[in-house]
Amino acid sequence: MCRADGVPERSYGEREARRLDALTRIIYPMKDTRMTMRLAKSFTIEPDINEYVDETKGDRSASDRVNELLRRAMLQEQYDRLETEAAAFFRDTKADRDEARAFQKASLRSFGRD
């Protein structure tokens, strides 16, 4: 909608955002940064793992290398769970196939009568 002077009306959220920007003098666009923030945590690492990280980190920081290794471990665990789930799903296919054959034979007999 437009006002009488031809300027489009802004929604309540747009007006509030502009008011907040004017009050706090924020010039940059605001965006949600919760996903990009890093959390500082403290964990105890065994000496042999620490040595491995130091040997394989290259130019990166040890923290980045540990994060990379943890991501790989998480993916591996997900793949292992999916593999277990797939094995459980396909374990009963022989019984399903026997039922499908019986149904197929019954259908063929039914078609033969027609």
C-alpha atoms as a PDB file:
ATOM      1  CA  MET A   1       0.000   0.000   0.000  1.00  0.00           C
ATOM      2  CA  CYS A   2       1.074   3.563  -0.518  1.00  0.00           C
ATOM      3  CA  ARG A   3       0.579   6.633   1.578  1.00  0.00           C
ATOM      4  CA  ALA A   4      -1.082   9.755   0.177  1.00  0.00           C
ATOM      5  CA  ASP A   5       2.289  11.161  -0.915  1.00  0.00           C
ATOM      6  CA  GLY A   6       3.063   8.014  -2.966  1.00  0.00           C
ATOM      7  CA  VAL A   7       5.654   6.567  -0.582  1.00  0.00           C
ATOM      8  CA  PRO A   8       5.080   2.838   0.069  1.00  0.00           C
ATOM      9  CA  GLU A   9       4.171   1.900   3.612  1.00  0.00           C
ATOM     10  CA  ARG A  10       6.598  -0.310   5.490  1.00  0.00           C
ATOM     11  CA  SER A  11       5.597  -3.288   7.588  1.00  0.00           C
ATOM     12  CA  TYR A  12       5.843  -3.169  11.355  1.00  0.00           C
ATOM     13  CA  GLY A  13       8.995  -5.315  11.293  1.00  0.00           C
ATOM     14  CA  GLU A  14      10.684  -3.027   8.762  1.00  0.00           C
ATOM     15  CA  ARG A  15       9.781   0.059  10.822  1.00  0.00           C
ATOM     16  CA  GLU A  16      11.084  -1.571  14.012  1.00  0.00           C
ATOM     17  CA  ALA A  17      14.310  -2.654  12.318  1.00  0.00           C
ATOM     18  CA  ARG A  18      14.888   0.870  11.011  1.00  0.00           C
ATOM     19  CA  ARG A  19      14.119   2.337  14.431  1.00  0.00           C
ATOM     20  CA  LEU A  20      16.571  -0.058  16.079  1.00  0.00           C
ATOM     21  CA  ASP A  21      19.203   0.789  13.483  1.00  0.00           C
ATOM     22  CA  ALA A  22      18.677   4.497  14.044  1.00  0.00           C
ATOM     23  CA  LEU A  23      18.854   4.147  17.824  1.00  0.00           C
ATOM     24  CA  THR A  24      21.936   1.947  17.877  1.00  0.00           C
ATOM     25  CA  ARG A  25      23.546   3.552  14.813  1.00  0.00           C
ATOM     26  CA  ILE A  26      24.079   0.181  13.132  1.00  0.00           C
ATOM     27  CA  ILE A  27      25.065   0.673   9.513  1.00  0.00           C
ATOM     28  CA  TYR A  28      25.824  -2.918   8.483  1.00  0.00           C
ATOM     29  CA  PRO A  29      23.064  -5.428   7.639  1.00  0.00           C
ATOM     30  CA  MET A  30      22.163  -7.612  10.573  1.00  0.00           C
ATOM     31  CA  LYS A  31      22.098 -11.355  10.135  1.00  0.00           C
ATOM     32  CA  ASP A  32      21.868 -14.386  12.334  1.00  0.00           C
ATOM     33  CA  THR A  33      25.384 -15.399  13.379  1.00  0.00           C
ATOM     34  CA  ARG A  34      24.537 -18.173  15.819  1.00  0.00           C
ATOM     35  CA  MET A  35      25.532 -20.851  13.306  1.00  0.00           C
ATOM     36  CA  THR A  36      28.940 -19.326  12.604  1.00  0.00           C
ATOM     37  CA  MET A  37      29.993 -18.750  16.194  1.00  0.00           C
ATOM     38  CA  ARG A  38      32.509 -21.117  17.719  1.00  0.00           C
ATOM     39  CA  LEU A  39      32.132 -22.474  21.210  1.00  0.00           C
ATOM     40  CA  ALA A  40      35.165 -22.682  23.437  1.00  0.00           C
ATOM     41  CA  LYS A  41      35.164 -26.084  25.120  1.00  0.00           C
ATOM     42  CA  SER A  42      37.791 -27.921  27.050  1.00  0.00           C
ATOM     43  CA  PHE A  43      38.443 -31.637  26.567  1.00  0.00           C
ATOM     44  CA  THR A  44      41.163 -33.953  27.745  1.00  0.00           C
ATOM     45  CA  ILE A  45      43.071 -35.520  24.853  1.00  0.00           C
ATOM     46  CA  GLU A  46      45.295 -38.548  25.198  1.00  0.00           C
ATOM     47  CA  PRO A  47      48.993 -37.939  24.425  1.00  0.00           C
ATOM     48  CA  ASP A  48      49.091 -40.242  21.379  1.00  0.00           C
ATOM     49  CA  ILE A  49      46.080 -38.467  19.853  1.00  0.00           C
ATOM     50  CA  ASN A  50      47.704 -35.108  20.519  1.00  0.00           C
ATOM     51  CA  GLU A  51      50.893 -36.278  18.794  1.00  0.00           C
ATOM     52  CA  TYR A  52      48.898 -37.490  15.790  1.00  0.00           C
ATOM     53  CA  VAL A  53      47.125 -34.122  15.512  1.00  0.00           C
ATOM     54  CA  ASP A  54      50.438 -32.255  15.757  1.00  0.00           C
ATOM     55  CA  GLU A  55      51.989 -34.463  13.057  1.00  0.00           C
ATOM     56  CA  THR A  56      49.070 -34.148  10.634  1.00  0.00           C
ATOM     57  CA  LYS A  57      47.852 -30.584  11.114  1.00  0.00           C
ATOM     58  CA  GLY A  58      50.170 -29.002   8.547  1.00  0.00           C
ATOM     59  CA  ASP A  59      49.684 -25.233   8.272  1.00  0.00           C
ATOM     60  CA  ARG A  60      46.332 -25.302  10.047  1.00  0.00           C
ATOM     61  CA  SER A  61      45.743 -24.893  13.740  1.00  0.00           C
ATOM     62  CA  ALA A  62      45.400 -27.944  15.948  1.00  0.00           C
ATOM     63  CA  SER A  63      41.822 -26.899  16.698  1.00  0.00           C
ATOM     64  CA  ASP A  64      40.912 -26.944  12.996  1.00  0.00           C
ATOM     65  CA  ARG A  65      42.536 -30.372  12.574  1.00  0.00           C
ATOM     66  CA  VAL A  66      40.668 -31.787  15.585  1.00  0.00           C
ATOM     67  CA  ASN A  67      37.387 -30.379  14.223  1.00  0.00           C
ATOM     68  CA  GLU A  68      38.070 -31.998  10.846  1.00  0.00           C
ATOM     69  CA  LEU A  69      38.814 -35.365  12.464  1.00  0.00           C
ATOM     70  CA  LEU A  70      35.678 -35.151  14.598  1.00  0.00           C
ATOM     71  CA  ARG A  71      33.532 -34.348  11.541  1.00  0.00           C
ATOM     72  CA  ARG A  72      34.969 -37.389   9.758  1.00  0.00           C
ATOM     73  CA  ALA A  73      34.278 -39.560  12.800  1.00  0.00           C
ATOM     74  CA  MET A  74      30.709 -38.278  12.962  1.00  0.00           C
ATOM     75  CA  LEU A  75      30.152 -39.090   9.279  1.00  0.00           C
ATOM     76  CA  GLN A  76      31.647 -42.543   9.749  1.00  0.00           C
ATOM     77  CA  GLU A  77      29.301 -43.242  12.660  1.00  0.00           C
ATOM     78  CA  GLN A  78      26.335 -42.092  10.560  1.00  0.00           C
ATOM     79  CA  TYR A  79      27.393 -44.393   7.710  1.00  0.00           C
ATOM     80  CA  ASP A  80      27.788 -47.283  10.155  1.00  0.00           C
ATOM     81  CA  ARG A  81      24.285 -46.696  11.545  1.00  0.00           C
ATOM     82  CA  LEU A  82      22.837 -46.500   8.021  1.00  0.00           C
ATOM     83  CA  GLU A  83      24.618 -49.710   7.066  1.00  0.00           C
ATOM     84  CA  THR A  84      23.190 -51.467  10.124  1.00  0.00           C
ATOM     85  CA  GLU A  85      19.727 -50.118   9.333  1.00  0.00           C
ATOM     86  CA  ALA A  86      19.990 -51.231   5.696  1.00  0.00           C
ATOM     87  CA  ALA A  87      21.145 -54.706   6.758  1.00  0.00           C
ATOM     88  CA  ALA A  88      18.155 -54.993   9.101  1.00  0.00           C
ATOM     89  CA  PHE A  89      15.814 -53.789   6.346  1.00  0.00           C
ATOM     90  CA  PHE A  90      17.074 -56.228   3.713  1.00  0.00           C
ATOM     91  CA  ARG A  91      17.427 -59.168   6.095  1.00  0.00           C
ATOM     92  CA  ASP A  92      13.758 -60.074   5.658  1.00  0.00           C
ATOM     93  CA  THR A  93      13.709 -59.861   1.855  1.00  0.00           C
ATOM     94  CA  LYS A  94      13.767 -63.643   1.412  1.00  0.00           C
ATOM     95  CA  ALA A  95      10.521 -64.005   3.327  1.00  0.00           C
ATOM     96  CA  ASP A  96       9.057 -61.127   1.305  1.00  0.00           C
ATOM     97  CA  ARG A  97      10.188 -62.795  -1.919  1.00  0.00           C
ATOM     98  CA  ASP A  98       8.521 -66.078  -0.921  1.00  0.00           C
ATOM     99  CA  GLU A  99       5.287 -64.209  -0.255  1.00  0.00           C
ATOM    100  CA  ALA A 100       5.581 -62.403  -3.591  1.00  0.00           C
ATOM    101  CA  ARG A 101       6.058 -65.724  -5.424  1.00  0.00           C
ATOM    102  CA  ALA A 102       2.994 -67.213  -3.731  1.00  0.00           C
ATOM    103  CA  PHE A 103       0.964 -64.151  -4.694  1.00  0.00           C
ATOM    104  CA  GLN A 104       2.269 -64.355  -8.255  1.00  0.00           C
ATOM    105  CA  LYS A 105       1.305 -68.041  -8.560  1.00  0.00           C
ATOM    106  CA  ALA A 106      -2.172 -67.344  -7.183  1.00  0.00           C
ATOM    107  CA  SER A 107      -2.596 -64.485  -9.650  1.00  0.00           C
ATOM    108  CA  LEU A 108      -1.571 -66.686 -12.566  1.00  0.00           C
ATOM    109  CA  ARG A 109      -4.075 -69.367 -11.509  1.00  0.00           C
ATOM    110  CA  SER A 110      -6.749 -66.691 -11.252  1.00  0.00           C
ATOM    111  CA  PHE A 111      -5.918 -65.389 -14.743  1.00  0.00           C
ATOM    112  CA  GLY A 112      -6.045 -68.953 -16.085  1.00  0.00           C
ATOM    113  CA  ARG A 113      -9.609 -69.385 -14.837  1.00  0.00           C
ATOM    114  CA  ASP A 114     -10.780 -66.182 -16.486  1.00  0.00           C
END
